[in-house]
Amino acid sequence: MARGLWYQTMEDVYIEVNVLPGTSAKEIKCNLGSKQISLSVKGQEMFKGKLFGSTIEDEATWTLEDKKLIRISLMKTSREAGNCWTSLLEGEYCADPLVQEQMQKKLTLERFQRENPGFDFSGADISGNYAGGGPDFSNLGK
């Protein structure tokens, strides 16, 4: 994304787009669907396409900050560590392999933190099976 970036957590995808200073909200057209997204500023298309994954349309928001930054927040339909998007749109704005690996590690650590709230994973590093959200420990207690 030439004028911005995107990142994700287990629950959400965030998009930040830099626009010319002084841009007003009236000059922005942002359509946020559960599987589609488009953003135009002053009639110029910034991006448009099918999202990599599905989102909850009613929870999607966009804001214009300081008349120079558009922030878009999308809530993922599937909110688990294994749902790490590899691109923002299908076939566009793909994370390079190193960034993708880091995102997957981060989501897996986030999952471990939620499953074990009494432990501090802030300085932890993860190796091994973290693709797909990490190992499944759900059957250990059975």
Protein backbone atom coordinates (compact mmCIF):
# COMPACT_ATOMS: atom_id res chain seq x y z
CA MET A 1 0.00 0.00 0.00
CA ALA A 2 1.81 3.05 -1.28
CA ARG A 3 0.25 5.58 1.08
CA GLY A 4 -0.42 3.46 4.11
CA LEU A 5 -0.20 0.19 5.97
CA TRP A 6 -2.30 -2.56 7.47
CA TYR A 7 -1.88 -4.82 10.50
CA GLN A 8 -3.95 -7.26 12.52
CA THR A 9 -4.73 -8.77 15.89
CA MET A 10 -6.68 -11.97 16.57
CA GLU A 11 -9.95 -10.02 16.38
CA ASP A 12 -9.33 -7.05 14.12
CA VAL A 13 -7.67 -5.74 10.98
CA TYR A 14 -6.52 -2.11 10.95
CA ILE A 15 -5.75 0.00 7.90
CA GLU A 16 -4.04 3.40 8.01
CA VAL A 17 -3.94 5.60 4.92
CA ASN A 18 -2.09 8.92 4.74
CA VAL A 19 -3.95 11.62 2.82
CA LEU A 20 -3.07 15.20 1.93
CA PRO A 21 -3.18 17.53 4.96
CA GLY A 22 -6.44 19.45 5.08
CA THR A 23 -8.57 16.62 3.70
CA SER A 24 -12.16 16.80 4.94
CA ALA A 25 -14.45 13.89 5.75
CA LYS A 26 -16.80 15.02 2.95
CA GLU A 27 -14.03 14.25 0.45
CA ILE A 28 -13.80 10.62 1.58
CA LYS A 29 -15.92 7.78 0.27
CA CYS A 30 -15.37 4.57 2.23
CA ASN A 31 -17.49 1.46 1.67
CA LEU A 32 -16.99 -1.27 4.25
CA GLY A 33 -18.70 -4.57 3.56
CA SER A 34 -18.25 -7.96 5.14
CA LYS A 35 -16.14 -9.18 2.19
CA GLN A 36 -15.52 -6.04 0.11
CA ILE A 37 -13.86 -2.70 0.80
CA SER A 38 -13.21 0.48 -1.15
CA LEU A 39 -11.71 3.84 -0.32
CA SER A 40 -11.67 6.96 -2.49
CA VAL A 41 -10.37 10.39 -1.55
CA LYS A 42 -11.24 13.44 -3.62
CA GLY A 43 -12.50 11.12 -6.35
CA GLN A 44 -9.22 9.17 -6.51
CA GLU A 45 -9.47 5.46 -5.72
CA MET A 46 -7.00 4.48 -3.01
CA PHE A 47 -7.91 0.78 -3.00
CA LYS A 48 -10.83 -1.49 -3.80
CA GLY A 49 -11.35 -5.23 -3.71
CA LYS A 50 -12.33 -8.41 -1.95
CA LEU A 51 -11.00 -8.73 1.58
CA PHE A 52 -8.73 -11.70 2.36
CA GLY A 53 -11.19 -12.86 5.03
CA SER A 54 -14.69 -11.97 6.12
CA THR A 55 -15.52 -9.27 8.64
CA ILE A 56 -18.52 -8.18 10.67
CA GLU A 57 -19.94 -5.36 8.57
CA ASP A 58 -21.84 -3.65 11.42
CA GLU A 59 -18.62 -3.34 13.46
CA ALA A 60 -16.53 -1.70 10.72
CA THR A 61 -15.58 1.95 11.21
CA TRP A 62 -13.41 4.62 9.64
CA THR A 63 -12.18 7.91 11.05
CA LEU A 64 -10.23 10.88 9.74
CA GLU A 65 -7.59 12.04 12.19
CA ASP A 66 -5.98 15.48 12.09
CA LYS A 67 -7.30 15.89 8.52
CA LYS A 68 -4.40 13.76 7.24
CA LEU A 69 -4.82 10.11 8.35
CA ILE A 70 -7.69 7.71 7.66
CA ARG A 71 -7.97 4.81 10.10
CA ILE A 72 -10.18 1.86 9.21
CA SER A 73 -11.06 -0.82 11.76
CA LEU A 74 -12.52 -4.16 10.68
CA MET A 75 -13.61 -6.94 13.06
CA LYS A 76 -12.78 -10.42 11.78
CA THR A 77 -15.59 -12.97 11.63
CA SER A 78 -13.18 -15.71 12.71
CA ARG A 79 -11.31 -14.37 15.74
CA GLU A 80 -8.67 -16.97 16.52
CA ALA A 81 -4.90 -17.16 16.15
CA GLY A 82 -5.15 -19.52 13.18
CA ASN A 83 -6.93 -16.83 11.17
CA CYS A 84 -3.85 -14.81 10.26
CA TRP A 85 -4.52 -12.90 7.04
CA THR A 86 -1.65 -13.17 4.54
CA SER A 87 -2.87 -10.12 2.61
CA LEU A 88 -5.36 -7.31 3.05
CA LEU A 89 -7.15 -7.97 -0.23
CA GLU A 90 -7.17 -11.18 -2.21
CA GLY A 91 -3.93 -11.06 -4.19
CA GLU A 92 -3.07 -7.49 -3.15
CA TYR A 93 -1.13 -5.90 -0.31
CA CYS A 94 0.43 -9.22 0.67
CA ALA A 95 2.69 -9.39 3.68
CA ASP A 96 6.19 -10.51 2.77
CA PRO A 97 7.12 -13.93 4.23
CA LEU A 98 9.13 -12.50 7.15
CA VAL A 99 6.35 -10.09 8.14
CA GLN A 100 3.79 -12.88 7.77
CA GLU A 101 5.83 -15.11 10.08
CA GLN A 102 6.07 -12.31 12.66
CA MET A 103 2.31 -11.67 12.48
CA GLN A 104 1.57 -15.38 12.99
CA LYS A 105 3.94 -15.54 15.97
CA LYS A 106 2.31 -12.45 17.48
CA LEU A 107 -1.19 -13.88 17.09
CA THR A 108 -0.11 -17.22 18.58
CA LEU A 109 1.41 -15.46 21.61
CA GLU A 110 -1.77 -13.39 21.91
CA ARG A 111 -3.74 -16.66 21.95
CA PHE A 112 -1.49 -18.14 24.66
CA GLN A 113 -1.90 -14.97 26.77
CA ARG A 114 -5.69 -15.21 26.55
CA GLU A 115 -5.70 -18.91 27.39
CA ASN A 116 -3.32 -18.33 30.35
CA PRO A 117 -4.18 -14.91 31.82
CA GLY A 118 -1.97 -15.39 34.90
CA PHE A 119 1.20 -15.74 32.84
CA ASP A 120 3.29 -12.95 31.31
CA PHE A 121 4.21 -13.67 27.70
CA SER A 122 5.46 -10.13 26.98
CA GLY A 123 9.11 -11.19 26.65
CA ALA A 124 8.40 -14.60 25.17
CA ASP A 125 9.61 -15.81 21.82
CA ILE A 126 7.97 -18.66 19.99
CA SER A 127 9.48 -21.24 17.71
CA GLY A 128 8.22 -24.42 16.14
CA ASN A 129 4.54 -25.01 15.45
CA TYR A 130 2.98 -21.55 15.41
CA ALA A 131 1.53 -21.62 11.89
CA GLY A 132 -2.23 -21.95 12.02
CA GLY A 133 -2.37 -20.53 15.55
CA GLY A 134 0.05 -22.89 17.24
CA PRO A 135 -0.43 -26.31 18.77
CA ASP A 136 -3.87 -27.46 19.92
CA PHE A 137 -3.79 -28.22 23.64
CA SER A 138 -7.56 -28.64 24.01
CA ASN A 139 -7.37 -32.44 24.42
CA LEU A 140 -4.63 -32.48 27.08
CA GLY A 141 -6.97 -32.44 30.05
CA LYS A 142 -9.18 -35.25 28.71
